Amino acid sequence: METIQRLQRNSDAILEQYHANLEDVYRLQDTLIRDILPTVADELELSPESQDWGKEWLSDTPSIFRIARRNKFTRSFSLEAIQKTLIWRLANLWPTEPPSRIPNVHCLPTDIRDRFGRAVLVIETAPVDDTMDSQKRSIILAFEQLRIHLRRLYDKSEDHRNPPLQYMVLLDLSQLSLQSLNLDLFTWTVREIIPRFPGMLAGVFMLNYSWTHSGLWTIFKQLLPESALSRIFFPSDSELLDYFTPAALPQDYGGNLPSLALLEDPIRPDLPQPLEVPEIAITDMPTVEAPKPALISILSLSPTSILNPFFGYPVSTSSTTNHGRPTLRHGRRRKRDLILTLATLFWMRWRKTITVVLSVTAVLFAFKVAFRKGNVPLPRRLSRLVSR
């Protein structure tokens, strides 16, 4: 089966990269916790609780590995990307919120894995009756819950040669229709959220795909990068059973496990599983409802500051009412704001050269006017220069 062979190659490749770069990832984490986190804490005036929360994420070896992998394990690029992601997380995920059930997402029990040892997610495409902002917030929180669960699996794993680093996804298309499709939300997720949680999805199996979805797939193909398209598969029922075996599939998809409605879901909020991190009292964190001074300082950053989570666009000063998270001042990324930012950056880069050229031009023009009024002929070379 070609799908199995391709997924085998992908699994072997990421494990090889993991073991080859693990020591570098550890050193990267040391630098992040020792140098980068204190710098960000001073810049944003972070509270001790938010610093501990940031340290917990920086201690997440699989997450740091995946970001470094996305940046070709180039240290400088990885440090910059992780710092930007840390600031984004402070703006969008702190203070923490109680976990909630993720709409349409089911995580199979922790002992159920695909043939290469990866955790399995089932995602349904049923429409969600909620506002766009609420759906975006749910997606952010969903990715964070899945990150935390994947880290728990990694920390508890005793198979050091093949630790769980990714999810395998079963995407059920049975309830997907053109009317329920939200392209804006899908595009936003691909461009804004997945890069903040890179490499978590090893592959996607499209289930219940029919000719009625072919038009929708044509649209999706234009929005996804080539790297993502190479990890999407359309298995038949027999190929699905061959890859997972009946023991690893719910009855909904031809397996021997109970149906999704009856299966244990390890990311359900009614199944608390505290994350154990040495020297960080995560469970003692207070629930803070007021906006943090750190996030208020983010709101005062200029559009061209590297600490601005919406670099190039003005941040709304009213964001302190949005759980301390900054938002775009005009509610969207306007072209005029982008043009203004590009013009500002252009002026900052070339202002000295432009000033010198304008000054020389003004002097030459003044000489020309003065000689004309005094009827004094210019020297031949200067006259040619001025006439130009």
Protein backbone atom coordinates (compact mmCIF):
# COMPACT_ATOMS: atom_id res chain seq x y z
CA MET A 1 0.00 0.00 0.00
CA GLU A 2 1.56 3.27 -1.16
CA THR A 3 -0.01 5.22 1.72
CA ILE A 4 1.64 3.00 4.32
CA GLN A 5 5.00 3.28 2.58
CA ARG A 6 4.78 7.06 2.44
CA LEU A 7 3.76 7.34 6.08
CA GLN A 8 6.55 4.93 7.01
CA ARG A 9 9.10 7.18 5.26
CA ASN A 10 7.67 10.25 6.99
CA SER A 11 7.79 8.54 10.38
CA ASP A 12 11.36 7.37 9.87
CA ALA A 13 12.40 10.85 8.73
CA ILE A 14 11.00 12.73 11.72
CA LEU A 15 12.41 10.20 14.20
CA GLU A 16 15.82 10.44 12.56
CA GLN A 17 15.68 14.24 12.80
CA TYR A 18 14.51 14.01 16.41
CA HIS A 19 17.39 11.83 17.56
CA ALA A 20 19.96 13.70 15.46
CA ASN A 21 18.98 17.12 16.85
CA LEU A 22 17.74 16.31 20.38
CA GLU A 23 20.87 17.61 22.12
CA ASP A 24 20.67 20.84 20.10
CA VAL A 25 17.01 21.18 21.09
CA TYR A 26 17.97 20.80 24.76
CA ARG A 27 20.62 23.53 24.37
CA LEU A 28 18.06 25.68 22.60
CA GLN A 29 15.66 25.26 25.53
CA ASP A 30 18.42 26.21 27.99
CA THR A 31 19.05 29.43 26.06
CA LEU A 32 15.35 30.20 25.83
CA ILE A 33 14.74 29.74 29.56
CA ARG A 34 17.99 31.37 30.69
CA ASP A 35 18.20 34.34 28.29
CA ILE A 36 15.11 34.84 26.12
CA LEU A 37 12.40 34.43 28.79
CA PRO A 38 13.96 36.98 31.19
CA THR A 39 14.32 39.45 28.32
CA VAL A 40 10.67 39.06 27.35
CA ALA A 41 9.66 39.22 31.02
CA ASP A 42 11.49 42.54 31.49
CA GLU A 43 10.17 43.99 28.25
CA LEU A 44 6.56 43.07 28.99
CA GLU A 45 6.74 43.31 32.80
CA LEU A 46 5.48 39.77 33.21
CA SER A 47 4.17 38.56 36.54
CA PRO A 48 5.84 35.54 38.21
CA GLU A 49 2.80 33.42 37.31
CA SER A 50 2.98 34.30 33.61
CA GLN A 51 6.74 33.67 33.61
CA ASP A 52 6.19 30.19 35.07
CA TRP A 53 3.50 29.57 32.46
CA GLY A 54 5.89 30.65 29.70
CA LYS A 55 8.62 28.44 31.15
CA GLU A 56 6.26 25.46 31.07
CA TRP A 57 5.84 25.88 27.31
CA LEU A 58 9.56 26.43 26.72
CA SER A 59 10.15 23.15 28.62
CA ASP A 60 7.92 21.31 26.15
CA THR A 61 10.63 19.48 24.19
CA PRO A 62 8.34 18.13 21.41
CA SER A 63 6.93 21.61 20.71
CA ILE A 64 10.37 23.25 20.62
CA PHE A 65 11.62 20.41 18.42
CA ARG A 66 8.76 20.90 15.95
CA ILE A 67 9.39 24.65 15.71
CA ALA A 68 13.12 24.07 15.23
CA ARG A 69 12.33 21.48 12.57
CA ARG A 70 10.10 23.97 10.76
CA ASN A 71 13.09 26.35 10.72
CA LYS A 72 15.51 23.70 9.37
CA PHE A 73 17.18 23.52 12.82
CA THR A 74 18.87 26.87 12.17
CA ARG A 75 19.50 28.22 15.67
CA SER A 76 18.99 31.94 14.99
CA PHE A 77 15.78 31.38 13.03
CA SER A 78 14.47 28.98 15.65
CA LEU A 79 15.15 31.40 18.51
CA GLU A 80 13.37 34.20 16.68
CA ALA A 81 10.37 32.04 15.80
CA ILE A 82 10.04 30.69 19.35
CA GLN A 83 10.28 34.17 20.86
CA LYS A 84 7.54 35.46 18.56
CA THR A 85 5.38 32.45 19.38
CA LEU A 86 5.94 32.99 23.11
CA ILE A 87 4.72 36.58 22.81
CA TRP A 88 1.73 35.43 20.74
CA ARG A 89 0.88 32.86 23.41
CA LEU A 90 1.04 35.49 26.15
CA ALA A 91 -1.33 37.65 24.13
CA ASN A 92 -3.78 34.90 23.21
CA LEU A 93 -3.59 32.13 25.83
CA TRP A 94 -2.72 33.91 29.08
CA PRO A 95 -4.38 34.08 31.52
CA THR A 96 -5.38 30.45 31.17
CA GLU A 97 -8.98 29.33 30.81
CA PRO A 98 -10.57 26.14 32.16
CA PRO A 99 -10.46 23.36 29.54
CA SER A 100 -13.65 22.84 27.60
CA ARG A 101 -14.86 20.14 25.27
CA ILE A 102 -13.58 20.72 21.75
CA PRO A 103 -16.47 20.78 19.25
CA ASN A 104 -16.34 17.95 16.69
CA VAL A 105 -12.95 16.68 17.92
CA HIS A 106 -12.49 13.27 19.55
CA CYS A 107 -9.19 11.92 20.84
CA LEU A 108 -9.03 8.14 20.99
CA PRO A 109 -7.87 6.54 24.28
CA THR A 110 -4.16 6.89 25.03
CA ASP A 111 -3.46 3.20 24.42
CA ILE A 112 -4.86 3.41 20.88
CA ARG A 113 -2.21 4.34 18.33
CA ASP A 114 -1.69 4.07 14.60
CA ARG A 115 0.80 1.53 13.30
CA PHE A 116 3.70 3.97 13.84
CA GLY A 117 2.85 4.80 17.45
CA ARG A 118 1.04 8.10 16.93
CA ALA A 119 -2.03 9.26 18.85
CA VAL A 120 -5.26 9.31 16.85
CA LEU A 121 -7.77 12.16 16.46
CA VAL A 122 -11.21 11.95 14.87
CA ILE A 123 -12.54 15.26 13.56
CA GLU A 124 -16.08 15.66 12.30
CA THR A 125 -17.10 18.42 9.91
CA ALA A 126 -20.50 19.18 11.41
CA PRO A 127 -21.40 22.88 11.30
CA VAL A 128 -21.01 24.86 14.52
CA ASP A 129 -23.70 27.40 15.37
CA ASP A 130 -21.50 30.13 16.81
CA THR A 131 -20.03 33.51 15.90
CA MET A 132 -16.81 33.77 13.95
CA ASP A 133 -14.90 35.20 16.93
CA SER A 134 -16.12 32.39 19.19
CA GLN A 135 -15.13 29.75 16.65
CA LYS A 136 -11.67 31.29 16.32
CA ARG A 137 -11.26 31.27 20.07
CA SER A 138 -12.35 27.63 20.23
CA ILE A 139 -9.78 26.68 17.57
CA ILE A 140 -6.95 28.38 19.48
CA LEU A 141 -7.92 26.62 22.71
CA ALA A 142 -8.34 23.31 20.89
CA PHE A 143 -4.80 23.40 19.51
CA GLU A 144 -3.49 24.25 22.97
CA GLN A 145 -5.35 21.33 24.58
CA LEU A 146 -4.02 18.98 21.92
CA ARG A 147 -0.49 20.29 22.46
CA ILE A 148 -0.75 19.66 26.21
CA HIS A 149 -2.13 16.15 25.66
CA LEU A 150 0.65 15.30 23.22
CA ARG A 151 3.21 16.49 25.72
CA ARG A 152 1.67 14.30 28.43
CA LEU A 153 1.97 11.31 26.13
CA TYR A 154 5.60 12.23 25.42
CA ASP A 155 6.48 12.64 29.11
CA LYS A 156 4.87 9.32 30.04
CA SER A 157 6.30 7.38 27.11
CA GLU A 158 8.88 4.72 27.91
CA ASP A 159 9.71 4.14 24.26
CA HIS A 160 12.60 6.57 23.89
CA ARG A 161 13.36 5.39 20.37
CA ASN A 162 9.86 6.15 19.12
CA PRO A 163 8.26 8.83 21.34
CA PRO A 164 4.84 10.25 20.37
CA LEU A 165 5.51 13.48 18.51
CA GLN A 166 2.44 13.84 16.26
CA TYR A 167 -1.22 12.99 15.74
CA MET A 168 -2.80 10.97 12.96
CA VAL A 169 -6.15 12.49 11.99
CA LEU A 170 -9.33 10.85 10.72
CA LEU A 171 -11.40 13.62 9.09
CA ASP A 172 -15.03 12.60 8.67
CA LEU A 173 -16.55 14.49 5.71
CA SER A 174 -20.03 12.98 5.97
CA GLN A 175 -21.61 16.24 7.19
CA LEU A 176 -19.55 18.63 5.07
CA SER A 177 -21.43 20.70 2.51
CA LEU A 178 -20.86 23.87 0.57
CA GLN A 179 -23.40 25.63 2.81
CA SER A 180 -21.57 24.63 6.01
CA LEU A 181 -18.11 25.46 4.63
CA ASN A 182 -16.47 28.55 6.13
CA LEU A 183 -13.52 29.35 3.89
CA ASP A 184 -12.53 32.44 5.88
CA LEU A 185 -12.25 30.39 9.07
CA PHE A 186 -10.33 27.63 7.30
CA THR A 187 -7.90 30.12 5.71
CA TRP A 188 -7.39 31.88 9.04
CA THR A 189 -6.61 28.56 10.75
CA VAL A 190 -4.07 27.57 8.08
CA ARG A 191 -2.31 30.93 8.06
CA GLU A 192 -2.55 32.10 11.65
CA ILE A 193 -2.87 29.09 13.96
CA ILE A 194 -1.16 26.07 12.46
CA PRO A 195 2.19 27.95 12.17
CA ARG A 196 1.97 28.56 15.94
CA PHE A 197 1.59 24.79 16.49
CA PRO A 198 3.68 23.40 13.62
CA GLY A 199 4.17 19.73 12.83
CA MET A 200 1.53 18.31 15.19
CA LEU A 201 -0.36 16.52 12.40
CA ALA A 202 1.48 13.64 10.73
CA GLY A 203 -1.28 12.97 8.22
CA VAL A 204 -4.98 13.25 7.51
CA PHE A 205 -7.20 10.40 6.32
CA MET A 206 -10.28 11.71 4.51
CA LEU A 207 -13.26 9.50 5.41
CA ASN A 208 -16.67 9.30 3.72
CA TYR A 209 -15.32 11.21 0.73
CA SER A 210 -17.65 11.14 -2.29
CA TRP A 211 -18.00 12.80 -5.67
CA THR A 212 -20.08 15.54 -4.01
CA HIS A 213 -16.93 16.70 -2.22
CA SER A 214 -14.77 16.92 -5.34
CA GLY A 215 -15.63 20.58 -5.93
CA LEU A 216 -14.83 21.44 -2.32
CA TRP A 217 -11.53 19.58 -2.53
CA THR A 218 -10.60 21.67 -5.58
CA ILE A 219 -11.05 24.78 -3.44
CA PHE A 220 -9.09 23.39 -0.50
CA LYS A 221 -6.16 22.41 -2.72
CA GLN A 222 -5.68 26.05 -3.66
CA LEU A 223 -5.43 27.10 -0.01
CA LEU A 224 -3.10 24.41 1.34
CA PRO A 225 0.69 24.40 0.92
CA GLU A 226 2.31 21.54 -0.98
CA SER A 227 3.80 20.12 2.22
CA ALA A 228 0.30 19.73 3.68
CA LEU A 229 -1.17 18.22 0.50
CA SER A 230 1.45 15.46 0.60
CA ARG A 231 0.09 14.32 3.98
CA ILE A 232 -3.56 14.02 2.93
CA PHE A 233 -4.90 10.60 1.94
CA PHE A 234 -8.18 9.20 0.60
CA PRO A 235 -8.22 5.56 1.76
CA SER A 236 -10.84 3.00 0.87
CA ASP A 237 -12.52 1.09 3.73
CA SER A 238 -10.17 -1.85 3.28
CA GLU A 239 -7.08 0.40 3.16
CA LEU A 240 -8.22 2.15 6.34
CA LEU A 241 -8.60 -1.17 8.17
CA ASP A 242 -5.29 -2.37 6.79
CA TYR A 243 -3.46 0.68 8.15
CA PHE A 244 -5.09 0.91 11.60
CA THR A 245 -6.37 -2.65 12.09
CA PRO A 246 -9.92 -3.14 13.51
CA ALA A 247 -8.56 -3.00 17.07
CA ALA A 248 -7.64 0.68 16.64
CA LEU A 249 -10.82 1.95 14.95
CA PRO A 250 -14.25 2.83 16.40
CA GLN A 251 -17.32 0.99 15.16
CA ASP A 252 -18.30 4.18 13.30
CA TYR A 253 -15.51 3.42 10.81
CA GLY A 254 -15.61 -0.37 10.65
CA GLY A 255 -13.44 -1.17 13.68
CA ASN A 256 -13.99 -3.21 16.82
CA LEU A 257 -13.78 -0.35 19.32
CA PRO A 258 -16.99 1.11 20.80
CA SER A 259 -18.58 4.00 18.93
CA LEU A 260 -17.17 7.50 19.36
CA ALA A 261 -20.03 8.46 21.67
CA LEU A 262 -19.04 5.69 24.11
CA LEU A 263 -15.24 5.83 23.83
CA GLU A 264 -13.12 7.41 26.53
CA ASP A 265 -11.75 10.77 25.41
CA PRO A 266 -8.54 11.75 27.28
CA ILE A 267 -8.90 15.45 26.44
CA ARG A 268 -12.39 15.78 27.90
CA PRO A 269 -12.51 18.38 30.70
CA ASP A 270 -14.29 15.93 33.01
CA LEU A 271 -11.20 13.71 32.95
CA PRO A 272 -8.58 15.89 34.66
CA GLN A 273 -4.98 14.88 34.05
CA PRO A 274 -2.67 17.45 35.67
CA LEU A 275 0.54 18.08 33.80
CA GLU A 276 3.54 17.37 35.98
CA VAL A 277 6.40 19.76 35.33
CA PRO A 278 9.35 19.86 37.75
CA GLU A 279 9.77 23.10 39.74
CA ILE A 280 6.71 24.74 38.15
CA ALA A 281 3.55 24.80 40.25
CA ILE A 282 1.08 24.85 37.38
CA THR A 283 -1.81 23.73 39.60
CA ASP A 284 -1.21 26.67 41.96
CA MET A 285 -1.73 29.29 39.30
CA PRO A 286 -4.48 31.75 40.19
CA THR A 287 -7.24 32.46 37.71
CA VAL A 288 -6.71 36.09 36.76
CA GLU A 289 -9.59 37.94 35.19
CA ALA A 290 -8.13 41.42 35.07
CA PRO A 291 -5.79 42.30 32.20
CA LYS A 292 -2.13 41.84 32.93
CA PRO A 293 0.28 44.82 32.85
CA ALA A 294 2.36 42.78 30.44
CA LEU A 295 -0.41 42.67 27.90
CA ILE A 296 -1.24 46.33 28.43
CA SER A 297 2.35 47.08 27.50
CA ILE A 298 1.89 45.05 24.33
CA LEU A 299 -0.98 47.32 23.37
CA SER A 300 1.33 50.33 23.55
CA LEU A 301 3.82 48.88 21.08
CA SER A 302 4.17 50.49 17.68
CA PRO A 303 2.96 48.65 14.56
CA THR A 304 6.58 48.08 13.52
CA SER A 305 7.76 46.65 16.84
CA ILE A 306 8.87 43.03 16.69
CA LEU A 307 6.95 42.47 19.94
CA ASN A 308 3.66 43.42 18.30
CA PRO A 309 1.75 40.15 17.70
CA PHE A 310 0.08 41.86 14.71
CA PHE A 311 3.30 43.25 13.24
CA GLY A 312 2.65 46.06 10.80
CA TYR A 313 -0.88 46.81 11.99
CA PRO A 314 -2.15 49.11 14.76
CA VAL A 315 -3.32 47.43 17.97
CA SER A 316 -6.58 48.49 19.57
CA THR A 317 -6.25 50.17 22.96
CA SER A 318 -9.62 48.69 23.89
CA SER A 319 -8.13 45.17 23.87
CA THR A 320 -7.78 45.25 27.64
CA THR A 321 -11.44 44.30 27.78
CA ASN A 322 -10.80 41.19 25.69
CA HIS A 323 -9.25 39.12 28.49
CA GLY A 324 -6.05 41.13 28.11
CA ARG A 325 -5.53 40.04 24.50
CA PRO A 326 -4.68 42.72 21.92
CA THR A 327 -6.77 42.83 18.78
CA LEU A 328 -6.50 44.67 15.49
CA ARG A 329 -7.69 48.23 15.96
CA HIS A 330 -9.95 48.09 12.91
CA GLY A 331 -10.93 44.46 13.32
CA ARG A 332 -9.01 43.30 10.24
CA ARG A 333 -5.72 43.72 8.39
CA ARG A 334 -6.35 46.73 6.16
CA LYS A 335 -4.27 47.31 3.03
CA ARG A 336 -3.81 50.96 3.92
CA ASP A 337 -2.17 50.00 7.22
CA LEU A 338 0.17 47.64 5.39
CA ILE A 339 1.06 50.35 2.86
CA LEU A 340 1.72 52.82 5.68
CA THR A 341 3.96 50.31 7.45
CA LEU A 342 5.91 49.58 4.25
CA ALA A 343 6.30 53.31 3.63
CA THR A 344 7.56 53.78 7.20
CA LEU A 345 10.07 50.96 6.86
CA PHE A 346 11.20 52.32 3.48
CA TRP A 347 11.76 55.77 5.00
CA MET A 348 13.66 54.30 7.97
CA ARG A 349 15.92 52.37 5.59
CA TRP A 350 16.58 55.08 2.98
CA ARG A 351 15.97 58.40 4.76
CA LYS A 352 19.66 59.36 4.86
CA THR A 353 20.11 58.75 1.15
CA ILE A 354 16.87 60.57 0.30
CA THR A 355 17.85 63.52 2.52
CA VAL A 356 21.28 63.85 0.85
CA VAL A 357 19.80 63.69 -2.66
CA LEU A 358 17.14 66.29 -1.84
CA SER A 359 19.71 68.57 -0.19
CA VAL A 360 22.06 68.44 -3.18
CA THR A 361 19.14 69.05 -5.55
CA ALA A 362 18.01 72.06 -3.51
CA VAL A 363 21.52 73.57 -3.48
CA LEU A 364 21.93 73.14 -7.24
CA PHE A 365 18.50 74.67 -7.87
CA ALA A 366 19.36 77.64 -5.62
CA PHE A 367 22.60 78.24 -7.54
CA LYS A 368 20.73 78.14 -10.83
CA VAL A 369 18.12 80.66 -9.68
CA ALA A 370 20.77 82.98 -8.18
CA PHE A 371 22.91 83.07 -11.33
CA ARG A 372 19.86 83.65 -13.52
CA LYS A 373 18.69 86.63 -11.45
CA GLY A 374 22.19 88.14 -11.41
CA ASN A 375 22.73 87.45 -15.10
CA VAL A 376 26.00 85.85 -14.15
CA PRO A 377 26.92 82.94 -16.42
CA LEU A 378 27.54 79.66 -14.70
CA PRO A 379 30.79 77.80 -15.28
CA ARG A 380 30.35 75.38 -18.19
CA ARG A 381 30.52 72.17 -16.10
CA LEU A 382 28.21 73.50 -13.37
CA SER A 383 25.79 74.78 -15.99
CA ARG A 384 25.57 71.32 -17.56
CA LEU A 385 25.03 69.74 -14.16
CA VAL A 386 22.29 72.18 -13.16
CA SER A 387 20.54 71.88 -16.52
CA ARG A 388 20.19 68.17 -15.94
